[in-house]
PDB file of N, CA and C in Angstrom:
ATOM      1  N   MET A   1     -27.299  33.445  17.832  1.00  0.00           N
ATOM      2  CA  MET A   1     -27.187  32.149  18.346  1.00  0.00           C
ATOM      3  C   MET A   1     -26.345  31.249  17.319  1.00  0.00           C
ATOM      4  N   ILE A   2     -26.673  31.413  16.030  1.00  0.00           N
ATOM      5  CA  ILE A   2     -26.095  30.610  15.056  1.00  0.00           C
ATOM      6  C   ILE A   2     -24.568  30.831  14.974  1.00  0.00           C
ATOM      7  N   ALA A   3     -24.171  32.089  15.192  1.00  0.00           N
ATOM      8  CA  ALA A   3     -22.755  32.529  15.079  1.00  0.00           C
ATOM      9  C   ALA A   3     -21.977  31.872  16.203  1.00  0.00           C
ATOM     10  N   SER A   4     -22.559  31.471  17.294  1.00  0.00           N
ATOM     11  CA  SER A   4     -21.825  30.789  18.357  1.00  0.00           C
ATOM     12  C   SER A   4     -21.659  29.300  18.108  1.00  0.00           C
ATOM     13  N   ILE A   5     -22.612  28.778  17.271  1.00  0.00           N
ATOM     14  CA  ILE A   5     -22.548  27.327  16.938  1.00  0.00           C
ATOM     15  C   ILE A   5     -21.597  27.082  15.718  1.00  0.00           C
ATOM     16  N   VAL A   6     -21.671  27.887  14.722  1.00  0.00           N
ATOM     17  CA  VAL A   6     -20.917  27.595  13.568  1.00  0.00           C
ATOM     18  C   VAL A   6     -19.858  28.722  13.326  1.00  0.00           C
ATOM     19  N   ASP A   7     -18.534  28.478  13.306  1.00  0.00           N
ATOM     20  CA  ASP A   7     -17.635  29.561  13.054  1.00  0.00           C
ATOM     21  C   ASP A   7     -17.497  29.688  11.485  1.00  0.00           C
ATOM     22  N   THR A   8     -18.172  30.619  10.866  1.00  0.00           N
ATOM     23  CA  THR A   8     -18.173  30.717   9.454  1.00  0.00           C
ATOM     24  C   THR A   8     -16.787  31.023   8.843  1.00  0.00           C
ATOM     25  N   ASN A   9     -15.980  31.715   9.487  1.00  0.00           N
ATOM     26  CA  ASN A   9     -14.642  32.019   9.019  1.00  0.00           C
ATOM     27  C   ASN A   9     -13.845  30.816   8.836  1.00  0.00           C
ATOM     28  N   ASP A  10     -13.798  29.922   9.779  1.00  0.00           N
ATOM     29  CA  ASP A  10     -13.066  28.642   9.772  1.00  0.00           C
ATOM     30  C   ASP A  10     -13.778  27.706   8.709  1.00  0.00           C
ATOM     31  N   LEU A  11     -14.996  27.753   8.506  1.00  0.00           N
ATOM     32  CA  LEU A  11     -15.803  26.974   7.616  1.00  0.00           C
ATOM     33  C   LEU A  11     -15.376  27.355   6.100  1.00  0.00           C
ATOM     34  N   LEU A  12     -15.309  28.768   5.895  1.00  0.00           N
ATOM     35  CA  LEU A  12     -14.918  29.239   4.608  1.00  0.00           C
ATOM     36  C   LEU A  12     -13.532  28.972   4.220  1.00  0.00           C
ATOM     37  N   GLN A  13     -12.667  29.076   5.183  1.00  0.00           N
ATOM     38  CA  GLN A  13     -11.236  28.734   5.039  1.00  0.00           C
ATOM     39  C   GLN A  13     -11.001  27.299   4.626  1.00  0.00           C
ATOM     40  N   THR A  14     -11.784  26.394   5.292  1.00  0.00           N
ATOM     41  CA  THR A  14     -11.723  25.019   4.997  1.00  0.00           C
ATOM     42  C   THR A  14     -12.272  24.732   3.492  1.00  0.00           C
ATOM     43  N   VAL A  15     -13.240  25.269   3.128  1.00  0.00           N
ATOM     44  CA  VAL A  15     -13.798  25.159   1.881  1.00  0.00           C
ATOM     45  C   VAL A  15     -12.795  25.670   0.760  1.00  0.00           C
ATOM     46  N   ALA A  16     -12.207  26.832   1.023  1.00  0.00           N
ATOM     47  CA  ALA A  16     -11.132  27.492   0.056  1.00  0.00           C
ATOM     48  C   ALA A  16      -9.982  26.590   0.009  1.00  0.00           C
ATOM     49  N   TYR A  17      -9.490  26.087   1.081  1.00  0.00           N
ATOM     50  CA  TYR A  17      -8.123  25.289   1.082  1.00  0.00           C
ATOM     51  C   TYR A  17      -8.479  23.984   0.484  1.00  0.00           C
ATOM     52  N   SER A  18      -9.523  23.355   0.748  1.00  0.00           N
ATOM     53  CA  SER A  18      -9.844  22.102   0.151  1.00  0.00           C
ATOM     54  C   SER A  18     -10.104  22.131  -1.410  1.00  0.00           C
ATOM     55  N   SER A  19     -10.720  23.267  -1.808  1.00  0.00           N
ATOM     56  CA  SER A  19     -10.933  23.477  -3.199  1.00  0.00           C
ATOM     57  C   SER A  19      -9.619  23.643  -3.903  1.00  0.00           C
ATOM     58  N   ALA A  20      -8.700  24.498  -3.399  1.00  0.00           N
ATOM     59  CA  ALA A  20      -7.443  24.670  -3.917  1.00  0.00           C
ATOM     60  C   ALA A  20      -6.598  23.435  -4.050  1.00  0.00           C
ATOM     61  N   ALA A  21      -6.647  22.647  -2.931  1.00  0.00           N
ATOM     62  CA  ALA A  21      -5.901  21.387  -2.940  1.00  0.00           C
ATOM     63  C   ALA A  21      -6.436  20.398  -3.877  1.00  0.00           C
ATOM     64  N   GLY A  22      -7.695  20.354  -4.060  1.00  0.00           N
ATOM     65  CA  GLY A  22      -8.306  19.449  -5.012  1.00  0.00           C
ATOM     66  C   GLY A  22      -7.911  19.791  -6.476  1.00  0.00           C
ATOM     67  N   ILE A  23      -8.054  21.104  -6.746  1.00  0.00           N
ATOM     68  CA  ILE A  23      -7.613  21.501  -8.100  1.00  0.00           C
ATOM     69  C   ILE A  23      -6.178  21.309  -8.373  1.00  0.00           C
ATOM     70  N   GLY A  24      -5.296  21.603  -7.372  1.00  0.00           N
ATOM     71  CA  GLY A  24      -3.888  21.485  -7.500  1.00  0.00           C
ATOM     72  C   GLY A  24      -3.472  19.930  -7.755  1.00  0.00           C
ATOM     73  N   VAL A  25      -4.001  19.082  -6.923  1.00  0.00           N
ATOM     74  CA  VAL A  25      -3.698  17.619  -7.066  1.00  0.00           C
ATOM     75  C   VAL A  25      -4.202  17.160  -8.439  1.00  0.00           C
ATOM     76  N   THR A  26      -5.337  17.643  -8.920  1.00  0.00           N
ATOM     77  CA  THR A  26      -5.886  17.179 -10.233  1.00  0.00           C
ATOM     78  C   THR A  26      -4.909  17.705 -11.393  1.00  0.00           C
ATOM     79  N   LEU A  27      -4.370  18.942 -11.185  1.00  0.00           N
ATOM     80  CA  LEU A  27      -3.503  19.504 -12.241  1.00  0.00           C
ATOM     81  C   LEU A  27      -2.200  18.741 -12.262  1.00  0.00           C
ATOM     82  N   ILE A  28      -1.729  18.457 -11.141  1.00  0.00           N
ATOM     83  CA  ILE A  28      -0.449  17.682 -10.986  1.00  0.00           C
ATOM     84  C   ILE A  28      -0.522  16.265 -11.559  1.00  0.00           C
ATOM     85  N   PHE A  29      -1.620  15.623 -11.256  1.00  0.00           N
ATOM     86  CA  PHE A  29      -1.817  14.235 -11.740  1.00  0.00           C
ATOM     87  C   PHE A  29      -2.147  14.269 -13.244  1.00  0.00           C
ATOM     88  N   SER A  30      -2.770  15.381 -13.732  1.00  0.00           N
ATOM     89  CA  SER A  30      -2.912  15.405 -15.144  1.00  0.00           C
ATOM     90  C   SER A  30      -1.694  15.671 -16.003  1.00  0.00           C
ATOM     91  N   LEU A  31      -0.750  16.271 -15.335  1.00  0.00           N
ATOM     92  CA  LEU A  31       0.563  16.355 -15.935  1.00  0.00           C
ATOM     93  C   LEU A  31       1.302  14.990 -16.037  1.00  0.00           C
ATOM     94  N   GLY A  32       1.079  14.171 -15.032  1.00  0.00           N
ATOM     95  CA  GLY A  32       1.607  12.855 -15.057  1.00  0.00           C
ATOM     96  C   GLY A  32       1.039  12.020 -16.229  1.00  0.00           C
ATOM     97  N   ILE A  33      -0.358  12.146 -16.394  1.00  0.00           N
ATOM     98  CA  ILE A  33      -0.934  11.462 -17.512  1.00  0.00           C
ATOM     99  C   ILE A  33      -0.510  12.044 -18.827  1.00  0.00           C
ATOM    100  N   TYR A  34      -0.341  13.298 -18.969  1.00  0.00           N
ATOM    101  CA  TYR A  34       0.131  13.922 -20.210  1.00  0.00           C
ATOM    102  C   TYR A  34       1.531  13.395 -20.471  1.00  0.00           C
ATOM    103  N   GLY A  35       2.439  13.490 -19.513  1.00  0.00           N
ATOM    104  CA  GLY A  35       3.798  13.000 -19.716  1.00  0.00           C
ATOM    105  C   GLY A  35       3.863  11.507 -20.120  1.00  0.00           C
ATOM    106  N   SER A  36       3.098  10.666 -19.438  1.00  0.00           N
ATOM    107  CA  SER A  36       3.116   9.242 -19.835  1.00  0.00           C
ATOM    108  C   SER A  36       2.554   9.061 -21.280  1.00  0.00           C
ATOM    109  N   THR A  37       1.549   9.762 -21.765  1.00  0.00           N
ATOM    110  CA  THR A  37       1.089   9.501 -23.056  1.00  0.00           C
ATOM    111  C   THR A  37       2.061  10.052 -24.133  1.00  0.00           C
ATOM    112  N   ARG A  38       2.715  11.190 -23.770  1.00  0.00           N
ATOM    113  CA  ARG A  38       3.721  11.730 -24.676  1.00  0.00           C
ATOM    114  C   ARG A  38       4.915  10.866 -24.754  1.00  0.00           C
ATOM    115  N   PHE A  39       5.285  10.229 -23.583  1.00  0.00           N
ATOM    116  CA  PHE A  39       6.322   9.275 -23.612  1.00  0.00           C
ATOM    117  C   PHE A  39       6.083   8.190 -24.520  1.00  0.00           C
ATOM    118  N   ALA A  40       4.876   7.626 -24.499  1.00  0.00           N
ATOM    119  CA  ALA A  40       4.523   6.466 -25.416  1.00  0.00           C
ATOM    120  C   ALA A  40       4.589   6.920 -26.766  1.00  0.00           C
ATOM    121  N   ASP A  41       4.061   8.094 -27.208  1.00  0.00           N
ATOM    122  CA  ASP A  41       3.989   8.583 -28.499  1.00  0.00           C
ATOM    123  C   ASP A  41       5.482   8.883 -29.030  1.00  0.00           C
ATOM    124  N   TYR A  42       6.206   9.471 -28.295  1.00  0.00           N
ATOM    125  CA  TYR A  42       7.510   9.866 -28.642  1.00  0.00           C
ATOM    126  C   TYR A  42       8.480   8.597 -28.804  1.00  0.00           C
ATOM    127  N   SER A  43       8.330   7.689 -27.903  1.00  0.00           N
ATOM    128  CA  SER A  43       9.013   6.374 -28.000  1.00  0.00           C
ATOM    129  C   SER A  43       8.743   5.613 -29.224  1.00  0.00           C
ATOM    130  N   ARG A  44       7.458   5.570 -29.623  1.00  0.00           N
ATOM    131  CA  ARG A  44       7.031   4.891 -30.811  1.00  0.00           C
ATOM    132  C   ARG A  44       7.556   5.560 -32.012  1.00  0.00           C
ATOM    133  N   ASP A  45       7.760   6.958 -31.979  1.00  0.00           N
ATOM    134  CA  ASP A  45       8.305   7.645 -33.194  1.00  0.00           C
ATOM    135  C   ASP A  45       9.783   7.695 -33.234  1.00  0.00           C
ATOM    136  N   GLY A  46      10.485   7.192 -32.155  1.00  0.00           N
ATOM    137  CA  GLY A  46      11.880   7.130 -32.098  1.00  0.00           C
ATOM    138  C   GLY A  46      12.536   8.429 -31.645  1.00  0.00           C
ATOM    139  N   ARG A  47      11.730   9.280 -31.124  1.00  0.00           N
ATOM    140  CA  ARG A  47      12.353  10.604 -30.596  1.00  0.00           C
ATOM    141  C   ARG A  47      12.701  10.439 -29.117  1.00  0.00           C
ATOM    142  N   ARG A  48      13.971   9.976 -28.939  1.00  0.00           N
ATOM    143  CA  ARG A  48      14.378   9.585 -27.602  1.00  0.00           C
ATOM    144  C   ARG A  48      14.499  10.780 -26.631  1.00  0.00           C
ATOM    145  N   LEU A  49      15.036  11.834 -27.014  1.00  0.00           N
ATOM    146  CA  LEU A  49      15.102  12.966 -26.038  1.00  0.00           C
ATOM    147  C   LEU A  49      13.747  13.495 -25.584  1.00  0.00           C
ATOM    148  N   GLU A  50      12.889  13.595 -26.462  1.00  0.00           N
ATOM    149  CA  GLU A  50      11.502  14.068 -26.103  1.00  0.00           C
ATOM    150  C   GLU A  50      10.817  12.967 -25.246  1.00  0.00           C
ATOM    151  N   ALA A  51      11.064  11.821 -25.573  1.00  0.00           N
ATOM    152  CA  ALA A  51      10.555  10.650 -24.760  1.00  0.00           C
ATOM    153  C   ALA A  51      11.096  10.682 -23.344  1.00  0.00           C
ATOM    154  N   ALA A  52      12.381  10.947 -23.200  1.00  0.00           N
ATOM    155  CA  ALA A  52      13.008  10.986 -21.857  1.00  0.00           C
ATOM    156  C   ALA A  52      12.572  12.109 -21.032  1.00  0.00           C
ATOM    157  N   LEU A  53      12.353  13.284 -21.686  1.00  0.00           N
ATOM    158  CA  LEU A  53      11.856  14.510 -20.994  1.00  0.00           C
ATOM    159  C   LEU A  53      10.355  14.269 -20.558  1.00  0.00           C
ATOM    160  N   SER A  54       9.522  13.641 -21.453  1.00  0.00           N
ATOM    161  CA  SER A  54       8.233  13.356 -21.134  1.00  0.00           C
ATOM    162  C   SER A  54       8.080  12.331 -19.929  1.00  0.00           C
ATOM    163  N   GLY A  55       8.973  11.318 -20.067  1.00  0.00           N
ATOM    164  CA  GLY A  55       8.949  10.365 -18.883  1.00  0.00           C
ATOM    165  C   GLY A  55       9.379  10.914 -17.574  1.00  0.00           C
ATOM    166  N   ALA A  56      10.296  11.851 -17.575  1.00  0.00           N
ATOM    167  CA  ALA A  56      10.704  12.583 -16.448  1.00  0.00           C
ATOM    168  C   ALA A  56       9.633  13.386 -15.856  1.00  0.00           C
ATOM    169  N   LEU A  57       8.849  14.035 -16.745  1.00  0.00           N
ATOM    170  CA  LEU A  57       7.717  14.857 -16.320  1.00  0.00           C
ATOM    171  C   LEU A  57       6.656  13.870 -15.613  1.00  0.00           C
ATOM    172  N   ALA A  58       6.443  12.790 -16.205  1.00  0.00           N
ATOM    173  CA  ALA A  58       5.403  11.923 -15.644  1.00  0.00           C
ATOM    174  C   ALA A  58       5.872  11.318 -14.269  1.00  0.00           C
ATOM    175  N   VAL A  59       7.150  11.010 -14.103  1.00  0.00           N
ATOM    176  CA  VAL A  59       7.761  10.509 -12.790  1.00  0.00           C
ATOM    177  C   VAL A  59       7.692  11.635 -11.841  1.00  0.00           C
ATOM    178  N   LEU A  60       8.058  12.789 -12.225  1.00  0.00           N
ATOM    179  CA  LEU A  60       8.005  13.961 -11.225  1.00  0.00           C
ATOM    180  C   LEU A  60       6.543  14.221 -10.775  1.00  0.00           C
ATOM    181  N   ALA A  61       5.566  14.126 -11.730  1.00  0.00           N
ATOM    182  CA  ALA A  61       4.232  14.368 -11.333  1.00  0.00           C
ATOM    183  C   ALA A  61       3.672  13.320 -10.423  1.00  0.00           C
ATOM    184  N   VAL A  62       4.056  12.093 -10.646  1.00  0.00           N
ATOM    185  CA  VAL A  62       3.619  11.063  -9.735  1.00  0.00           C
ATOM    186  C   VAL A  62       4.200  11.250  -8.350  1.00  0.00           C
ATOM    187  N   PHE A  63       5.520  11.540  -8.218  1.00  0.00           N
ATOM    188  CA  PHE A  63       6.148  11.837  -6.969  1.00  0.00           C
ATOM    189  C   PHE A  63       5.559  13.045  -6.210  1.00  0.00           C
ATOM    190  N   ALA A  64       5.157  14.049  -7.013  1.00  0.00           N
ATOM    191  CA  ALA A  64       4.538  15.261  -6.440  1.00  0.00           C
ATOM    192  C   ALA A  64       3.039  14.913  -6.048  1.00  0.00           C
ATOM    193  N   THR A  65       2.384  14.169  -6.742  1.00  0.00           N
ATOM    194  CA  THR A  65       0.965  13.812  -6.225  1.00  0.00           C
ATOM    195  C   THR A  65       1.074  12.976  -4.957  1.00  0.00           C
ATOM    196  N   ILE A  66       2.038  12.061  -4.872  1.00  0.00           N
ATOM    197  CA  ILE A  66       2.227  11.200  -3.656  1.00  0.00           C
ATOM    198  C   ILE A  66       2.669  12.154  -2.551  1.00  0.00           C
ATOM    199  N   GLY A  67       3.538  13.040  -2.763  1.00  0.00           N
ATOM    200  CA  GLY A  67       3.924  14.023  -1.701  1.00  0.00           C
ATOM    201  C   GLY A  67       2.826  14.856  -1.155  1.00  0.00           C
ATOM    202  N   VAL A  68       1.961  15.330  -2.088  1.00  0.00           N
ATOM    203  CA  VAL A  68       0.864  16.140  -1.633  1.00  0.00           C
ATOM    204  C   VAL A  68      -0.057  15.327  -0.913  1.00  0.00           C
ATOM    205  N   LEU A  69      -0.390  14.150  -1.309  1.00  0.00           N
ATOM    206  CA  LEU A  69      -1.313  13.243  -0.533  1.00  0.00           C
ATOM    207  C   LEU A  69      -0.804  12.921   0.922  1.00  0.00           C
ATOM    208  N   VAL A  70       0.525  12.604   0.939  1.00  0.00           N
ATOM    209  CA  VAL A  70       1.133  12.359   2.303  1.00  0.00           C
ATOM    210  C   VAL A  70       1.025  13.558   3.221  1.00  0.00           C
ATOM    211  N   MET A  71       1.413  14.745   2.590  1.00  0.00           N
ATOM    212  CA  MET A  71       1.258  15.982   3.319  1.00  0.00           C
ATOM    213  C   MET A  71      -0.151  16.229   3.820  1.00  0.00           C
ATOM    214  N   GLY A  72      -1.203  15.910   2.948  1.00  0.00           N
ATOM    215  CA  GLY A  72      -2.586  16.122   3.380  1.00  0.00           C
ATOM    216  C   GLY A  72      -2.948  15.215   4.549  1.00  0.00           C
ATOM    217  N   VAL A  73      -2.448  13.918   4.539  1.00  0.00           N
ATOM    218  CA  VAL A  73      -2.704  13.108   5.637  1.00  0.00           C
ATOM    219  C   VAL A  73      -2.061  13.556   6.894  1.00  0.00           C
ATOM    220  N   ILE A  74      -0.930  14.033   6.766  1.00  0.00           N
ATOM    221  CA  ILE A  74      -0.167  14.553   7.953  1.00  0.00           C
ATOM    222  C   ILE A  74      -0.947  15.680   8.612  1.00  0.00           C
ATOM    223  N   VAL A  75      -1.337  16.639   7.767  1.00  0.00           N
ATOM    224  CA  VAL A  75      -2.016  17.812   8.150  1.00  0.00           C
ATOM    225  C   VAL A  75      -3.446  17.430   8.888  1.00  0.00           C
ATOM    226  N   MET A  76      -4.083  16.466   8.237  1.00  0.00           N
ATOM    227  CA  MET A  76      -5.399  16.043   8.818  1.00  0.00           C
ATOM    228  C   MET A  76      -5.200  15.379  10.161  1.00  0.00           C
ATOM    229  N   THR A  77      -4.132  14.607  10.373  1.00  0.00           N
ATOM    230  CA  THR A  77      -3.952  13.905  11.593  1.00  0.00           C
ATOM    231  C   THR A  77      -3.494  14.778  12.744  1.00  0.00           C
ATOM    232  N   GLN A  78      -2.870  15.953  12.375  1.00  0.00           N
ATOM    233  CA  GLN A  78      -2.357  16.878  13.401  1.00  0.00           C
ATOM    234  C   GLN A  78      -3.395  17.840  13.925  1.00  0.00           C
ATOM    235  N   LYS A  79      -4.562  18.066  13.141  1.00  0.00           N
ATOM    236  CA  LYS A  79      -5.523  19.027  13.576  1.00  0.00           C
ATOM    237  C   LYS A  79      -6.637  18.432  14.236  1.00  0.00           C
TER     238      LYS A  79
END
């Protein structure tokens, strides 16, 4: 009777996908934090090339985080 009430396969897939998405978004956002702190450090030390690359990493990570969040909202509203 329980098997007809709860579809365990769908439930396990939901847990797996949400865990992977949560870890992925956390890693992407942490790259943004890393890039912004390295940008500040390199700028202070006068290392312009390293600062520019770190700033680009921070900006890309922020855009990737926003993109993943938007995609998550789209997926949630379609199902």
